[in-house]
C-alpha atoms as a PDB file:
ATOM      1  CA  MET A   1       0.000   0.000   0.000  1.00  0.00           C
ATOM      2  CA  LYS A   2       2.874   2.400   0.718  1.00  0.00           C
ATOM      3  CA  ASN A   3       3.732   2.558  -2.988  1.00  0.00           C
ATOM      4  CA  ILE A   4       0.213   3.129  -4.317  1.00  0.00           C
ATOM      5  CA  LEU A   5      -0.696   5.736  -1.671  1.00  0.00           C
ATOM      6  CA  PRO A   6       1.384   8.600  -3.157  1.00  0.00           C
ATOM      7  CA  PHE A   7      -0.249   8.083  -6.564  1.00  0.00           C
ATOM      8  CA  LEU A   8      -3.830   8.398  -5.273  1.00  0.00           C
ATOM      9  CA  THR A   9      -3.328  10.996  -2.533  1.00  0.00           C
ATOM     10  CA  ARG A  10      -1.136  13.966  -1.659  1.00  0.00           C
ATOM     11  CA  VAL A  11       0.264  12.177   1.378  1.00  0.00           C
ATOM     12  CA  PRO A  12       3.987  13.097   1.377  1.00  0.00           C
ATOM     13  CA  LEU A  13       5.420   9.626   0.946  1.00  0.00           C
ATOM     14  CA  LYS A  14       7.783   8.309  -1.690  1.00  0.00           C
ATOM     15  CA  GLY A  15       6.467   5.409  -3.733  1.00  0.00           C
ATOM     16  CA  ASP A  16       8.125   3.078  -6.193  1.00  0.00           C
ATOM     17  CA  PHE A  17       6.340   3.441  -9.526  1.00  0.00           C
ATOM     18  CA  GLU A  18       7.043  -0.140 -10.589  1.00  0.00           C
ATOM     19  CA  ARG A  19       6.009  -1.685  -7.270  1.00  0.00           C
ATOM     20  CA  ALA A  20       2.822   0.379  -7.239  1.00  0.00           C
ATOM     21  CA  ARG A  21       1.528  -1.742 -10.126  1.00  0.00           C
ATOM     22  CA  ASN A  22       1.637  -4.769  -7.844  1.00  0.00           C
ATOM     23  CA  GLU A  23      -0.468  -3.036  -5.198  1.00  0.00           C
ATOM     24  CA  LEU A  24      -3.632  -2.459  -7.208  1.00  0.00           C
ATOM     25  CA  TRP A  25      -5.432  -4.740  -4.741  1.00  0.00           C
ATOM     26  CA  ALA A  26      -4.844  -2.055  -2.086  1.00  0.00           C
ATOM     27  CA  PHE A  27      -7.031   0.575  -3.777  1.00  0.00           C
ATOM     28  CA  PRO A  28      -9.879   0.108  -1.233  1.00  0.00           C
ATOM     29  CA  LEU A  29      -7.394   0.661   1.612  1.00  0.00           C
ATOM     30  CA  ILE A  30      -6.877   4.223   0.369  1.00  0.00           C
ATOM     31  CA  ALA A  31     -10.444   5.169   1.333  1.00  0.00           C
ATOM     32  CA  PRO A  32      -9.867   5.309   5.126  1.00  0.00           C
ATOM     33  CA  VAL A  33      -6.896   7.612   4.497  1.00  0.00           C
ATOM     34  CA  SER A  34      -8.514   9.897   1.918  1.00  0.00           C
ATOM     35  CA  SER A  35     -11.750  10.250   3.916  1.00  0.00           C
ATOM     36  CA  ALA A  36     -10.167  10.695   7.368  1.00  0.00           C
ATOM     37  CA  LEU A  37     -10.052  14.502   7.455  1.00  0.00           C
ATOM     38  CA  PRO A  38     -13.513  14.968   5.875  1.00  0.00           C
ATOM     39  CA  LEU A  39     -14.919  12.457   8.384  1.00  0.00           C
ATOM     40  CA  VAL A  40     -13.615  14.463  11.320  1.00  0.00           C
ATOM     41  CA  ILE A  41     -15.084  17.687   9.930  1.00  0.00           C
ATOM     42  CA  LEU A  42     -18.493  16.104   9.330  1.00  0.00           C
ATOM     43  CA  TYR A  43     -18.510  14.325  12.685  1.00  0.00           C
ATOM     44  CA  LEU A  44     -17.798  17.575  14.552  1.00  0.00           C
ATOM     45  CA  LYS A  45     -20.573  19.315  12.578  1.00  0.00           C
ATOM     46  CA  LEU A  46     -18.497  22.404  11.978  1.00  0.00           C
ATOM     47  CA  PRO A  47     -20.156  25.383  10.269  1.00  0.00           C
ATOM     48  CA  LEU A  48     -20.391  24.741   6.531  1.00  0.00           C
ATOM     49  CA  SER A  49     -19.101  21.248   7.241  1.00  0.00           C
ATOM     50  CA  ASN A  50     -20.283  19.955   3.862  1.00  0.00           C
ATOM     51  CA  VAL A  51     -18.175  22.526   2.013  1.00  0.00           C
ATOM     52  CA  LEU A  52     -15.185  22.156   4.347  1.00  0.00           C
ATOM     53  CA  ALA A  53     -15.331  18.355   4.111  1.00  0.00           C
ATOM     54  CA  LEU A  54     -15.241  18.464   0.317  1.00  0.00           C
ATOM     55  CA  LEU A  55     -12.336  20.910   0.377  1.00  0.00           C
ATOM     56  CA  ALA A  56     -10.536  18.596   2.813  1.00  0.00           C
ATOM     57  CA  LEU A  57     -11.165  15.642   0.517  1.00  0.00           C
ATOM     58  CA  TYR A  58      -9.624  17.336  -2.508  1.00  0.00           C
ATOM     59  CA  PHE A  59      -6.798  18.661  -0.365  1.00  0.00           C
ATOM     60  CA  THR A  60      -6.035  15.011   0.440  1.00  0.00           C
ATOM     61  CA  ILE A  61      -6.502  13.420  -2.979  1.00  0.00           C
ATOM     62  CA  GLY A  62      -5.604  16.349  -5.220  1.00  0.00           C
ATOM     63  CA  LEU A  63      -7.412  17.502  -8.358  1.00  0.00           C
ATOM     64  CA  LEU A  64      -6.075  14.958 -10.837  1.00  0.00           C
ATOM     65  CA  HIS A  65      -9.335  13.001 -10.979  1.00  0.00           C
ATOM     66  CA  LEU A  66     -11.356  16.188 -11.457  1.00  0.00           C
ATOM     67  CA  ASP A  67      -9.068  17.170 -14.319  1.00  0.00           C
ATOM     68  CA  GLY A  68      -9.607  13.725 -15.834  1.00  0.00           C
ATOM     69  CA  LEU A  69     -13.369  14.145 -15.500  1.00  0.00           C
ATOM     70  CA  ALA A  70     -13.242  17.437 -17.396  1.00  0.00           C
ATOM     71  CA  ASP A  71     -11.211  15.931 -20.257  1.00  0.00           C
ATOM     72  CA  TRP A  72     -13.407  12.823 -20.313  1.00  0.00           C
ATOM     73  CA  ALA A  73     -16.623  14.865 -20.525  1.00  0.00           C
ATOM     74  CA  ASP A  74     -15.241  16.924 -23.417  1.00  0.00           C
ATOM     75  CA  GLY A  75     -14.518  13.706 -25.312  1.00  0.00           C
ATOM     76  CA  ILE A  76     -17.869  12.118 -24.498  1.00  0.00           C
ATOM     77  CA  MET A  77     -19.918  15.122 -25.581  1.00  0.00           C
ATOM     78  CA  VAL A  78     -18.166  16.003 -28.839  1.00  0.00           C
ATOM     79  CA  LYS A  79     -19.924  14.777 -31.965  1.00  0.00           C
ATOM     80  CA  GLY A  80     -18.072  12.632 -34.431  1.00  0.00           C
ATOM     81  CA  ASP A  81     -16.200   9.361 -34.713  1.00  0.00           C
ATOM     82  CA  ARG A  82     -14.004   7.714 -32.082  1.00  0.00           C
ATOM     83  CA  GLU A  83     -10.815   9.426 -33.259  1.00  0.00           C
ATOM     84  CA  ARG A  84     -12.395  12.857 -32.925  1.00  0.00           C
ATOM     85  CA  LYS A  85     -13.645  12.051 -29.423  1.00  0.00           C
ATOM     86  CA  ILE A  86     -10.187  10.911 -28.344  1.00  0.00           C
ATOM     87  CA  ARG A  87      -8.626  14.097 -29.750  1.00  0.00           C
ATOM     88  CA  ALA A  88     -11.153  16.192 -27.827  1.00  0.00           C
ATOM     89  CA  MET A  89     -10.379  14.315 -24.617  1.00  0.00           C
ATOM     90  CA  LYS A  90      -6.643  14.845 -25.072  1.00  0.00           C
ATOM     91  CA  ASP A  91      -7.010  18.523 -25.969  1.00  0.00           C
ATOM     92  CA  LEU A  92      -5.254  20.667 -23.366  1.00  0.00           C
ATOM     93  CA  ASN A  93      -8.076  23.220 -23.459  1.00  0.00           C
ATOM     94  CA  THR A  94     -11.134  22.449 -21.330  1.00  0.00           C
ATOM     95  CA  GLY A  95     -14.463  22.854 -23.118  1.00  0.00           C
ATOM     96  CA  ILE A  96     -17.893  23.723 -21.787  1.00  0.00           C
ATOM     97  CA  ALA A  97     -18.777  20.035 -21.325  1.00  0.00           C
ATOM     98  CA  GLY A  98     -15.788  19.584 -19.032  1.00  0.00           C
ATOM     99  CA  VAL A  99     -16.630  22.692 -17.017  1.00  0.00           C
ATOM    100  CA  PHE A 100     -20.252  21.591 -16.685  1.00  0.00           C
ATOM    101  CA  ALA A 101     -19.250  18.091 -15.547  1.00  0.00           C
ATOM    102  CA  VAL A 102     -16.912  19.394 -12.836  1.00  0.00           C
ATOM    103  CA  VAL A 103     -19.449  21.948 -11.586  1.00  0.00           C
ATOM    104  CA  MET A 104     -22.231  19.348 -11.405  1.00  0.00           C
ATOM    105  CA  VAL A 105     -20.060  16.811  -9.583  1.00  0.00           C
ATOM    106  CA  LEU A 106     -19.024  19.387  -6.986  1.00  0.00           C
ATOM    107  CA  PHE A 107     -22.574  20.721  -6.672  1.00  0.00           C
ATOM    108  CA  LEU A 108     -24.117  17.283  -6.125  1.00  0.00           C
ATOM    109  CA  GLN A 109     -21.465  16.277  -3.610  1.00  0.00           C
ATOM    110  CA  VAL A 110     -21.788  19.459  -1.547  1.00  0.00           C
ATOM    111  CA  TYR A 111     -25.566  19.269  -1.326  1.00  0.00           C
ATOM    112  CA  SER A 112     -25.687  15.514  -0.767  1.00  0.00           C
ATOM    113  CA  LEU A 113     -23.327  15.786   2.197  1.00  0.00           C
ATOM    114  CA  GLN A 114     -25.954  17.860   4.021  1.00  0.00           C
ATOM    115  CA  LEU A 115     -28.449  14.991   3.854  1.00  0.00           C
ATOM    116  CA  VAL A 116     -26.398  11.950   4.815  1.00  0.00           C
ATOM    117  CA  PRO A 117     -24.670  10.597   7.955  1.00  0.00           C
ATOM    118  CA  PHE A 118     -21.076  11.731   8.451  1.00  0.00           C
ATOM    119  CA  TYR A 119     -19.678   8.331   7.432  1.00  0.00           C
ATOM    120  CA  ALA A 120     -21.250   8.546   3.963  1.00  0.00           C
ATOM    121  CA  ILE A 121     -18.109  10.265   2.675  1.00  0.00           C
ATOM    122  CA  TYR A 122     -16.141   7.178   3.690  1.00  0.00           C
ATOM    123  CA  LEU A 123     -18.506   4.869   1.789  1.00  0.00           C
ATOM    124  CA  ALA A 124     -18.390   7.183  -1.218  1.00  0.00           C
ATOM    125  CA  GLU A 125     -14.588   7.138  -1.217  1.00  0.00           C
ATOM    126  CA  LEU A 126     -14.565   3.365  -0.766  1.00  0.00           C
ATOM    127  CA  ASN A 127     -16.793   2.962  -3.815  1.00  0.00           C
ATOM    128  CA  SER A 128     -14.705   5.489  -5.731  1.00  0.00           C
ATOM    129  CA  LYS A 129     -11.477   3.600  -5.123  1.00  0.00           C
ATOM    130  CA  PHE A 130     -13.059   0.236  -5.896  1.00  0.00           C
ATOM    131  CA  SER A 131     -14.419   1.636  -9.165  1.00  0.00           C
ATOM    132  CA  LEU A 132     -10.814   2.284 -10.222  1.00  0.00           C
ATOM    133  CA  LEU A 133     -10.196  -1.424  -9.755  1.00  0.00           C
ATOM    134  CA  LEU A 134     -13.260  -2.181 -11.897  1.00  0.00           C
ATOM    135  CA  GLY A 135     -11.983   0.123 -14.630  1.00  0.00           C
ATOM    136  CA  LEU A 136      -8.570  -1.512 -14.660  1.00  0.00           C
ATOM    137  CA  ALA A 137     -10.195  -4.958 -14.654  1.00  0.00           C
ATOM    138  CA  THR A 138     -11.567  -4.315 -18.151  1.00  0.00           C
ATOM    139  CA  ARG A 139      -8.003  -4.813 -19.422  1.00  0.00           C
ATOM    140  CA  LYS A 140      -8.800  -2.514 -22.359  1.00  0.00           C
ATOM    141  CA  PRO A 141      -6.177   0.246 -22.295  1.00  0.00           C
ATOM    142  CA  LEU A 142      -6.438   3.365 -24.412  1.00  0.00           C
ATOM    143  CA  GLY A 143      -2.991   4.478 -25.550  1.00  0.00           C
ATOM    144  CA  ARG A 144       0.204   3.887 -23.609  1.00  0.00           C
ATOM    145  CA  GLY A 145      -0.294   6.160 -20.624  1.00  0.00           C
ATOM    146  CA  LEU A 146      -0.682   5.563 -16.905  1.00  0.00           C
ATOM    147  CA  GLY A 147      -3.894   3.563 -17.308  1.00  0.00           C
ATOM    148  CA  ALA A 148      -2.240   1.094 -19.662  1.00  0.00           C
ATOM    149  CA  TYR A 149       0.815   0.888 -17.416  1.00  0.00           C
ATOM    150  CA  PHE A 150      -1.287  -0.225 -14.447  1.00  0.00           C
ATOM    151  CA  MET A 151      -3.518  -2.509 -16.535  1.00  0.00           C
ATOM    152  CA  GLU A 152      -0.490  -4.561 -17.529  1.00  0.00           C
ATOM    153  CA  LYS A 153      -0.280  -5.858 -13.947  1.00  0.00           C
ATOM    154  CA  MET A 154      -4.016  -6.230 -13.387  1.00  0.00           C
ATOM    155  CA  ASN A 155      -4.978  -9.873 -12.875  1.00  0.00           C
ATOM    156  CA  GLY A 156      -7.548 -12.085 -11.194  1.00  0.00           C
ATOM    157  CA  LYS A 157      -5.618 -12.321  -7.939  1.00  0.00           C
ATOM    158  CA  GLN A 158      -5.289  -8.557  -7.515  1.00  0.00           C
ATOM    159  CA  PHE A 159      -8.971  -8.084  -8.326  1.00  0.00           C
ATOM    160  CA  ALA A 160     -10.078 -10.837  -5.932  1.00  0.00           C
ATOM    161  CA  VAL A 161      -8.016  -9.473  -3.032  1.00  0.00           C
ATOM    162  CA  GLY A 162      -9.215  -5.940  -3.756  1.00  0.00           C
ATOM    163  CA  THR A 163     -12.845  -7.084  -3.810  1.00  0.00           C
ATOM    164  CA  LEU A 164     -12.418  -8.922  -0.502  1.00  0.00           C
ATOM    165  CA  LEU A 165     -10.880  -5.831   1.098  1.00  0.00           C
ATOM    166  CA  TYR A 166     -13.706  -3.700  -0.269  1.00  0.00           C
ATOM    167  CA  ALA A 167     -16.298  -6.000   1.326  1.00  0.00           C
ATOM    168  CA  LEU A 168     -14.441  -6.133   4.664  1.00  0.00           C
ATOM    169  CA  LEU A 169     -14.134  -2.340   4.790  1.00  0.00           C
ATOM    170  CA  TYR A 170     -17.804  -1.859   3.914  1.00  0.00           C
ATOM    171  CA  LEU A 171     -19.156  -4.496   6.312  1.00  0.00           C
ATOM    172  CA  PRO A 172     -18.726  -2.650   9.662  1.00  0.00           C
ATOM    173  CA  ILE A 173     -20.849   0.269   8.455  1.00  0.00           C
ATOM    174  CA  VAL A 174     -23.611  -2.047   7.254  1.00  0.00           C
ATOM    175  CA  LEU A 175     -23.620  -3.958  10.551  1.00  0.00           C
ATOM    176  CA  SER A 176     -24.079  -0.715  12.478  1.00  0.00           C
ATOM    177  CA  ASP A 177     -26.549   0.831  10.027  1.00  0.00           C
ATOM    178  CA  PRO A 178     -28.123  -1.670   7.559  1.00  0.00           C
ATOM    179  CA  PRO A 179     -29.585   0.926   5.114  1.00  0.00           C
ATOM    180  CA  ALA A 180     -25.986   1.870   4.284  1.00  0.00           C
ATOM    181  CA  LEU A 181     -25.832  -1.314   2.209  1.00  0.00           C
ATOM    182  CA  LEU A 182     -27.783   0.507  -0.498  1.00  0.00           C
ATOM    183  CA  GLY A 183     -24.735   2.691  -1.007  1.00  0.00           C
ATOM    184  CA  ILE A 184     -23.318  -0.155  -3.079  1.00  0.00           C
ATOM    185  CA  LEU A 185     -25.717   1.012  -5.792  1.00  0.00           C
ATOM    186  CA  GLY A 186     -23.348   3.924  -6.275  1.00  0.00           C
ATOM    187  CA  LEU A 187     -21.068   1.509  -8.127  1.00  0.00           C
ATOM    188  CA  LEU A 188     -23.659   1.465 -10.916  1.00  0.00           C
ATOM    189  CA  PHE A 189     -22.677   5.040 -11.730  1.00  0.00           C
ATOM    190  CA  GLY A 190     -19.079   3.924 -12.083  1.00  0.00           C
ATOM    191  CA  ALA A 191     -20.105   0.948 -14.199  1.00  0.00           C
ATOM    192  CA  TYR A 192     -22.011   3.274 -16.514  1.00  0.00           C
ATOM    193  CA  ALA A 193     -18.981   5.578 -16.805  1.00  0.00           C
ATOM    194  CA  ILE A 194     -16.882   2.533 -17.729  1.00  0.00           C
ATOM    195  CA  ARG A 195     -19.430   1.544 -20.345  1.00  0.00           C
ATOM    196  CA  LEU A 196     -19.472   5.055 -21.828  1.00  0.00           C
ATOM    197  CA  SER A 197     -15.676   5.086 -21.951  1.00  0.00           C
ATOM    198  CA  LEU A 198     -15.483   1.798 -23.815  1.00  0.00           C
ATOM    199  CA  ARG A 199     -18.279   2.732 -26.202  1.00  0.00           C
ATOM    200  CA  ASN A 200     -16.951   6.206 -27.044  1.00  0.00           C
ATOM    201  CA  PHE A 201     -13.187   5.688 -26.884  1.00  0.00           C
ATOM    202  CA  GLY A 202     -12.717   1.937 -27.266  1.00  0.00           C
ATOM    203  CA  GLY A 203     -10.638   1.731 -24.106  1.00  0.00           C
ATOM    204  CA  ILE A 204      -9.771   3.344 -20.779  1.00  0.00           C
ATOM    205  CA  ASN A 205      -6.941   5.740 -19.980  1.00  0.00           C
ATOM    206  CA  GLY A 206      -6.022   7.914 -17.002  1.00  0.00           C
ATOM    207  CA  ASP A 207      -8.665  10.539 -17.822  1.00  0.00           C
ATOM    208  CA  CYS A 208     -11.329   7.844 -17.962  1.00  0.00           C
ATOM    209  CA  LEU A 209     -10.223   6.447 -14.610  1.00  0.00           C
ATOM    210  CA  GLY A 210     -10.400   9.911 -13.059  1.00  0.00           C
ATOM    211  CA  ALA A 211     -13.925  10.378 -14.393  1.00  0.00           C
ATOM    212  CA  ILE A 212     -14.973   6.937 -13.152  1.00  0.00           C
ATOM    213  CA  ALA A 213     -13.712   7.723  -9.652  1.00  0.00           C
ATOM    214  CA  GLU A 214     -15.430  11.125  -9.485  1.00  0.00           C
ATOM    215  CA  ILE A 215     -18.718   9.908 -10.922  1.00  0.00           C
ATOM    216  CA  THR A 216     -18.808   6.921  -8.578  1.00  0.00           C
ATOM    217  CA  ARG A 217     -18.209   9.033  -5.474  1.00  0.00           C
ATOM    218  CA  THR A 218     -20.860  11.529  -6.530  1.00  0.00           C
ATOM    219  CA  GLY A 219     -23.330   8.787  -7.432  1.00  0.00           C
ATOM    220  CA  THR A 220     -22.825   7.070  -4.087  1.00  0.00           C
ATOM    221  CA  LEU A 221     -23.526  10.263  -2.137  1.00  0.00           C
ATOM    222  CA  LEU A 222     -26.584  10.889  -4.309  1.00  0.00           C
ATOM    223  CA  VAL A 223     -27.926   7.379  -3.673  1.00  0.00           C
ATOM    224  CA  LEU A 224     -27.356   7.686   0.076  1.00  0.00           C
ATOM    225  CA  ALA A 225     -29.046  11.109   0.113  1.00  0.00           C
ATOM    226  CA  PHE A 226     -32.187   9.517  -1.332  1.00  0.00           C
ATOM    227  CA  VAL A 227     -31.910   6.553   1.031  1.00  0.00           C
ATOM    228  CA  TRP A 228     -31.838   8.785   4.096  1.00  0.00           C
ATOM    229  CA  ALA A 229     -34.543  11.036   2.707  1.00  0.00           C
ATOM    230  CA  TYR A 230     -37.023   8.186   2.263  1.00  0.00           C
ATOM    231  CA  LEU A 231     -35.895   5.642   4.881  1.00  0.00           C
END
């Protein structure tokens, strides 16, 4: 885990890039780290805790995934063939689709956090990190970037261990509050983002993975907001 942690968070540790590829199974273990500061803020119910918690989250994980979401949305929304969509995604300039996607993700997260228990941010991050594992498990790289580099080491063993860790990390919350189990439905948002990536681009790269992570976290908080509103 010590090698993968610096690549998914801003925790000041040095990681070995090559060894990190062998720690893909540890993705779910990142969630307790990335959600720790937001959890404290939400638990203490500080003024504007929903806004502060989201700022704390991005302070911990950085903005790389948000940047990937913006590029991904530009590629998804442009009209044309697959090559044109890939060019739009790789364009250094962010279009209106990318801006809209980032604004909506931040908007939905901020407002959902007002309606859910404090630990929902942990479940959302757990789903977000597991969705990265699902994206890599497609074994359909786009280009030769970071996504392809990690996919080369993705295998059944890493996926199985990662899935087991995901279940073990999710279980305590469900045992203490059974309706939290419905938060698993947030993974459907990630699955849909994976499907869109494969259909529009023919594979998955780092931008796609960033979008999958952001969409999954947002979808999980949205699902839990509805769960607590009606249950």
